[in-house]
Protein backbone atom coordinates (compact mmCIF):
# COMPACT_ATOMS: atom_id res chain seq x y z
CA MET A 1 0.03 -0.01 0.01
CA SER A 2 3.04 2.26 -0.21
CA THR A 3 6.01 2.90 -2.40
CA ARG A 4 9.24 4.49 -1.23
CA ASN A 5 9.13 8.26 -1.39
CA ASP A 6 10.45 11.25 0.48
CA SER A 7 7.73 11.34 3.10
CA PRO A 8 5.92 8.44 4.86
CA THR A 9 2.45 7.27 4.08
CA LEU A 10 0.06 7.95 7.02
CA VAL A 11 -1.49 4.89 8.45
CA THR A 12 -5.22 5.79 8.91
CA PRO A 13 -8.29 3.81 9.45
CA SER A 14 -9.15 4.56 5.79
CA LEU A 15 -5.86 3.13 4.54
CA LEU A 16 -6.25 -0.04 6.61
CA ARG A 17 -9.84 -0.61 5.34
CA ASP A 18 -8.41 -0.52 1.86
CA TRP A 19 -5.76 -3.01 3.00
CA PRO A 20 -7.95 -5.56 4.63
CA LEU A 21 -6.68 -8.48 6.74
CA PRO A 22 -7.01 -12.06 5.37
CA ALA A 23 -10.41 -13.62 5.84
CA PRO A 24 -10.62 -15.64 9.10
CA GLY A 25 -11.18 -18.92 7.48
CA GLU A 26 -13.14 -21.81 8.78
CA ASP A 27 -10.96 -23.16 11.55
CA LYS A 28 -7.83 -22.49 13.63
CA TYR A 29 -5.52 -24.11 11.09
CA SER A 30 -6.52 -21.54 8.47
CA ARG A 31 -5.46 -18.64 10.70
CA GLY A 32 -1.91 -19.73 11.12
CA ALA A 33 0.46 -20.87 13.89
CA VAL A 34 2.79 -18.77 16.03
CA LEU A 35 5.80 -20.15 17.84
CA MET A 36 7.16 -17.80 20.48
CA VAL A 37 10.63 -18.49 21.92
CA GLY A 38 11.60 -16.58 24.99
CA GLY A 39 10.40 -16.41 28.61
CA GLY A 40 13.15 -16.86 31.10
CA ARG A 41 12.53 -17.69 34.78
CA THR A 42 12.53 -14.17 35.91
CA THR A 43 10.60 -12.75 32.89
CA PRO A 44 7.79 -15.23 32.03
CA GLY A 45 5.26 -12.44 31.82
CA ALA A 46 6.83 -11.11 28.62
CA ALA A 47 6.14 -14.46 26.92
CA LEU A 48 2.61 -14.48 28.34
CA LEU A 49 1.88 -11.06 27.05
CA ALA A 50 3.33 -11.71 23.61
CA GLY A 51 1.44 -15.07 23.22
CA MET A 52 -1.87 -13.63 24.47
CA SER A 53 -1.50 -10.79 21.95
CA ALA A 54 -0.85 -13.19 19.02
CA LEU A 55 -4.17 -14.93 19.86
CA ARG A 56 -6.01 -11.69 20.32
CA ALA A 57 -4.72 -10.62 16.86
CA GLY A 58 -6.40 -13.71 15.43
CA ALA A 59 -3.73 -16.40 15.14
CA GLY A 60 -5.26 -19.87 15.22
CA LYS A 61 -2.66 -21.68 17.18
CA LEU A 62 0.16 -20.70 19.69
CA THR A 63 3.08 -22.50 21.22
CA LEU A 64 5.32 -20.96 23.87
CA ALA A 65 8.86 -22.30 24.05
CA VAL A 66 10.16 -20.96 27.34
CA ALA A 67 12.51 -21.85 30.20
CA GLU A 68 11.71 -25.21 31.60
CA SER A 69 11.10 -23.95 35.10
CA VAL A 70 8.20 -21.79 33.98
CA SER A 71 6.70 -23.72 31.15
CA VAL A 72 3.97 -25.50 33.16
CA GLN A 73 2.89 -22.31 34.94
CA LEU A 74 2.62 -20.42 31.56
CA GLY A 75 0.68 -23.31 30.15
CA VAL A 76 -1.82 -22.95 33.09
CA ALA A 77 -1.80 -19.11 32.83
CA LEU A 78 -2.70 -19.23 29.16
CA PRO A 79 -4.55 -22.51 28.64
CA GLU A 80 -5.14 -21.68 24.92
CA CYS A 81 -1.43 -22.27 24.25
CA GLY A 82 0.94 -25.21 24.03
CA SER A 83 3.90 -24.79 26.36
CA ILE A 84 7.28 -26.45 25.84
CA GLY A 85 10.22 -26.19 28.28
CA LEU A 86 13.62 -25.31 26.91
CA PRO A 87 17.05 -25.89 28.69
CA GLU A 88 18.00 -23.04 30.97
CA ASN A 89 21.12 -22.12 32.96
CA ALA A 90 21.30 -21.84 36.81
CA GLY A 91 19.92 -18.37 36.61
CA GLY A 92 16.87 -19.41 34.63
CA SER A 93 17.94 -17.91 31.23
CA VAL A 94 17.09 -19.80 28.16
CA THR A 95 20.14 -21.30 26.40
CA GLY A 96 20.66 -22.15 22.74
CA GLU A 97 20.45 -25.91 23.48
CA GLY A 98 17.60 -28.37 23.17
CA LEU A 99 16.00 -26.90 20.05
CA ASP A 100 15.26 -30.43 18.90
CA ARG A 101 12.27 -30.22 21.23
CA ILE A 102 10.69 -27.66 18.98
CA ASP A 103 11.67 -28.98 15.64
CA SER A 104 8.19 -30.02 14.62
CA TYR A 105 6.74 -26.74 15.82
CA LEU A 106 9.26 -24.77 13.81
CA ASP A 107 8.29 -26.79 10.77
CA ARG A 108 4.59 -26.12 11.21
CA SER A 109 4.71 -22.41 12.22
CA ASP A 110 3.75 -19.51 10.07
CA ALA A 111 5.38 -16.87 12.31
CA LEU A 112 8.37 -17.37 14.64
CA LEU A 113 8.66 -14.74 17.31
CA VAL A 114 11.95 -14.65 19.26
CA GLY A 115 12.81 -12.32 22.12
CA PRO A 116 10.15 -11.63 24.68
CA GLY A 117 11.41 -12.60 28.05
CA LEU A 118 14.98 -13.50 26.98
CA ASP A 119 17.29 -11.94 29.51
CA ASP A 120 20.91 -12.85 28.62
CA SER A 121 22.57 -11.31 25.60
CA GLY A 122 25.18 -14.06 25.18
CA LEU A 123 22.77 -16.93 25.48
CA THR A 124 20.36 -15.13 23.11
CA GLU A 125 23.10 -14.92 20.52
CA ASP A 126 23.63 -18.61 20.99
CA LEU A 127 19.97 -19.27 20.54
CA LEU A 128 19.82 -17.35 17.31
CA VAL A 129 22.89 -19.09 15.96
CA ALA A 130 21.24 -22.39 16.74
CA LEU A 131 18.12 -21.39 14.92
CA LEU A 132 19.97 -20.13 11.93
CA GLU A 133 22.12 -23.25 11.73
CA ARG A 134 18.95 -25.37 11.70
CA GLU A 135 17.72 -23.37 8.69
CA GLU A 136 20.94 -23.87 6.98
CA SER A 137 20.73 -27.65 7.34
CA ALA A 138 19.58 -30.00 4.60
CA ASP A 139 16.44 -30.82 6.45
CA ALA A 140 15.15 -27.23 6.48
CA LYS A 141 11.91 -26.58 4.64
CA PRO A 142 12.09 -24.77 1.15
CA SER A 143 12.52 -20.97 1.48
CA GLY A 144 8.95 -20.26 0.40
CA GLU A 145 7.55 -22.47 3.14
CA ARG A 146 9.54 -21.14 6.09
CA PRO A 147 7.97 -18.93 8.69
CA ALA A 148 8.25 -15.17 9.04
CA VAL A 149 10.74 -14.28 11.73
CA VAL A 150 9.72 -11.56 14.23
CA LEU A 151 12.53 -10.37 16.47
CA ASP A 152 12.18 -8.34 19.61
CA ALA A 153 14.10 -7.27 22.75
CA TYR A 154 17.31 -9.17 23.46
CA ALA A 155 17.04 -10.89 20.05
CA LEU A 156 17.51 -7.48 18.38
CA GLY A 157 20.69 -6.79 20.37
CA ALA A 158 22.33 -9.95 19.09
CA LEU A 159 21.71 -9.08 15.39
CA PRO A 160 24.80 -6.85 14.73
CA LYS A 161 27.15 -9.58 15.81
CA LEU A 162 25.40 -12.08 13.52
CA GLU A 163 24.97 -9.81 10.60
CA ASP A 164 27.14 -12.03 8.24
CA ARG A 165 25.16 -15.09 9.23
CA LEU A 166 21.61 -13.78 8.62
CA GLY A 167 21.28 -15.10 5.09
CA PRO A 168 18.55 -17.68 5.89
CA TRP A 169 16.36 -14.93 7.49
CA ARG A 170 16.98 -11.98 5.18
CA GLY A 171 13.86 -10.91 3.41
CA ARG A 172 11.43 -12.41 5.94
CA MET A 173 12.32 -10.64 9.20
CA ILE A 174 10.21 -8.15 11.09
CA LEU A 175 12.03 -6.14 13.72
CA THR A 176 10.40 -4.20 16.55
CA PRO A 177 13.10 -2.13 18.17
CA ASN A 178 12.53 0.83 20.42
CA PRO A 179 14.81 3.81 19.73
CA THR A 180 17.56 2.54 21.98
CA GLU A 181 17.51 -0.88 20.30
CA ALA A 182 17.48 0.80 16.92
CA GLY A 183 20.70 2.54 18.00
CA ILE A 184 22.25 -0.77 18.83
CA LEU A 185 21.24 -2.11 15.41
CA LEU A 186 22.99 0.77 13.76
CA GLY A 187 26.00 0.95 16.02
CA ARG A 188 25.31 4.65 16.89
CA GLU A 189 22.88 6.87 18.53
CA VAL A 190 19.54 7.42 16.77
CA ASP A 191 19.35 11.15 15.79
CA HIS A 192 16.61 11.21 13.17
CA LEU A 193 14.15 8.42 13.75
CA GLU A 194 12.47 8.42 10.29
CA SER A 195 15.66 8.02 8.26
CA ASP A 196 17.31 5.79 10.93
CA VAL A 197 14.40 3.33 10.67
CA VAL A 198 14.81 3.19 6.95
CA GLU A 199 18.50 2.52 7.42
CA VAL A 200 17.83 -0.40 9.76
CA ALA A 201 15.42 -1.90 7.26
CA ARG A 202 17.97 -1.64 4.49
CA ARG A 203 20.86 -2.91 6.58
CA PHE A 204 18.97 -6.05 7.70
CA ASP A 205 16.62 -6.63 4.71
CA ALA A 206 13.75 -6.49 7.16
CA VAL A 207 10.47 -4.71 7.82
CA VAL A 208 11.03 -2.49 10.88
CA SER A 209 8.50 -0.94 13.30
CA CYS A 210 9.93 1.60 15.65
CA GLN A 211 7.97 4.11 17.65
CA GLY A 212 5.37 4.77 15.09
CA TYR A 213 7.47 4.44 11.92
CA ILE A 214 7.42 1.40 9.73
CA ALA A 215 9.91 0.83 6.94
CA GLY A 216 10.53 -1.98 4.58
CA PRO A 217 13.60 -2.85 2.51
CA VAL A 218 14.05 -1.67 -1.06
CA GLY A 219 14.40 -4.43 -3.62
CA GLY A 220 12.44 -7.15 -1.80
CA ASN A 221 8.78 -8.05 -1.82
CA PRO A 222 7.07 -5.04 -3.43
CA GLN A 223 4.31 -5.30 -0.77
CA ASP A 224 6.90 -4.59 1.90
CA SER A 225 8.81 -1.78 0.30
CA GLY A 226 7.67 1.57 1.73
CA LEU A 227 7.67 3.98 4.62
CA TRP A 228 4.69 4.53 6.87
CA LYS A 229 3.86 6.55 9.96
CA ILE A 230 1.25 5.81 12.61
CA THR A 231 -1.15 8.72 13.30
CA THR A 232 -2.40 7.59 16.76
CA GLY A 233 -0.99 6.47 20.07
CA TYR A 234 -0.62 7.69 23.54
CA GLY A 235 2.23 8.24 26.05
CA GLY A 236 0.83 5.53 28.22
CA LEU A 237 2.36 3.06 25.76
CA GLY A 238 5.59 3.61 27.67
CA THR A 239 4.73 0.81 30.23
CA SER A 240 6.26 -2.49 31.08
CA GLY A 241 5.28 -5.19 28.65
CA SER A 242 3.97 -2.82 25.90
CA GLY A 243 6.70 -3.92 23.42
CA ASP A 244 5.83 -7.58 24.08
CA VAL A 245 2.23 -6.84 23.15
CA LEU A 246 3.26 -5.14 19.87
CA ALA A 247 5.61 -7.97 18.88
CA GLY A 248 2.96 -10.62 19.67
CA THR A 249 0.27 -8.62 17.79
CA ILE A 250 2.52 -8.38 14.69
CA ALA A 251 3.38 -12.11 14.81
CA GLY A 252 -0.29 -13.02 15.16
CA LEU A 253 -1.26 -10.95 12.14
CA ARG A 254 1.60 -12.32 10.10
CA ALA A 255 0.64 -15.84 10.86
CA ARG A 256 -2.78 -15.15 9.40
CA GLY A 257 -1.24 -14.57 5.96
CA THR A 258 -0.52 -10.89 5.69
CA SER A 259 2.57 -9.55 4.13
CA ASP A 260 5.34 -8.48 6.58
CA ALA A 261 4.63 -4.76 6.07
CA GLN A 262 0.88 -5.21 6.43
CA ALA A 263 1.37 -7.04 9.72
CA ALA A 264 3.70 -4.28 10.97
CA CYS A 265 1.45 -1.40 9.93
CA TRP A 266 -1.79 -3.11 11.17
CA GLY A 267 -0.16 -4.27 14.40
CA THR A 268 1.49 -0.89 15.20
CA HIS A 269 -1.69 0.94 14.50
CA LEU A 270 -3.77 -1.48 16.69
CA HIS A 271 -1.32 -1.20 19.50
CA ALA A 272 -1.41 2.61 19.44
CA ALA A 273 -5.20 2.73 18.99
CA ALA A 274 -5.63 0.46 21.93
CA ALA A 275 -3.67 2.94 24.05
CA ASP A 276 -5.90 5.82 22.90
CA ARG A 277 -8.91 3.84 23.83
CA LEU A 278 -7.64 2.98 27.28
CA ALA A 279 -6.43 6.59 27.82
CA SER A 280 -9.95 7.83 27.11
CA LYS A 281 -11.44 5.38 29.67
CA LEU A 282 -8.79 5.15 32.34
CA GLY A 283 -6.57 8.19 32.02
CA PRO A 284 -3.38 8.92 30.14
CA LEU A 285 -1.17 6.74 32.44
CA GLY A 286 -1.63 3.60 34.48
CA PHE A 287 -3.22 1.19 32.08
CA LEU A 288 -1.50 -2.14 31.70
CA ALA A 289 0.04 -3.82 28.74
CA GLY A 290 -2.31 -6.78 29.10
CA GLU A 291 -5.20 -4.42 28.74
CA LEU A 292 -3.86 -3.29 25.42
CA ALA A 293 -4.11 -6.87 24.08
CA GLU A 294 -7.81 -7.06 25.23
CA GLN A 295 -8.75 -4.15 22.97
CA LEU A 296 -7.44 -5.79 19.77
CA PRO A 297 -10.50 -7.88 18.60
CA ALA A 298 -12.93 -4.91 18.94
CA LEU A 299 -10.56 -2.60 17.09
CA MET A 300 -10.09 -5.09 14.24
CA LEU A 301 -13.88 -5.38 13.99
CA GLU A 302 -14.31 -1.62 13.67
CA LEU A 303 -11.74 -1.52 10.91
CA ASP A 304 -13.49 -4.26 9.03
CA THR A 305 -16.75 -2.33 8.75
């Protein structure tokens, strides 16, 4: 819905109505599967928020792959998901080992979300390396059948060190950095967010959503090449867990069959519009990230009419 030009396309309800989400289909299998990898022992709530948001965005199936010590608890807290325990170190951080436990889920997923609740930069790098090596193996699915890869939080911080190894993921990543994380991706401070988001998209061949700007890489999927700006949103979005909700929402929409840019534009707009709605009901500050996710179905319905 956009082509690269000097100024961003504004993401309005009218634009989104002209860029409709895929039809819901007849069953959960037609709405796609999300695999979320994250959730350390001290940060299981991030995985919970991301997973709940993916389902609220309409994904049909959800599997959480989290630290073994919290997997059962998360499965009970969100009974709509499958929950798999991954190896962790003594501090409860997910390591890059034991990914054979999620092999079949990786093969069946439509969107892979990595990051929410990961809490160790070195181990996160190990985890991403293991995932990339699996994709490079002879047993990996053909490129056109592989899931979209949504990266958030600590997974973003590992990318600059792995830039030369990202071949299997280039062209199908969606990155959701905040401005600080965008600076890490660029190796410098962010000084002009609009152009810096474009630079991140080009450098990593990814669609990028950062604080209301969405950019896609030039030369990839024409549907994803563009620059957009969200026109809504409230300061109350600056609350713990808000980024996990955004990443989960985008992953859920992508699993349903959108393009990368459509998932990012719709997801970022819905996230911001949910904050506006809560601000009008509860006040500008103090609403919770989980309450953002609860607003998503009604907002999508309104944009579908």
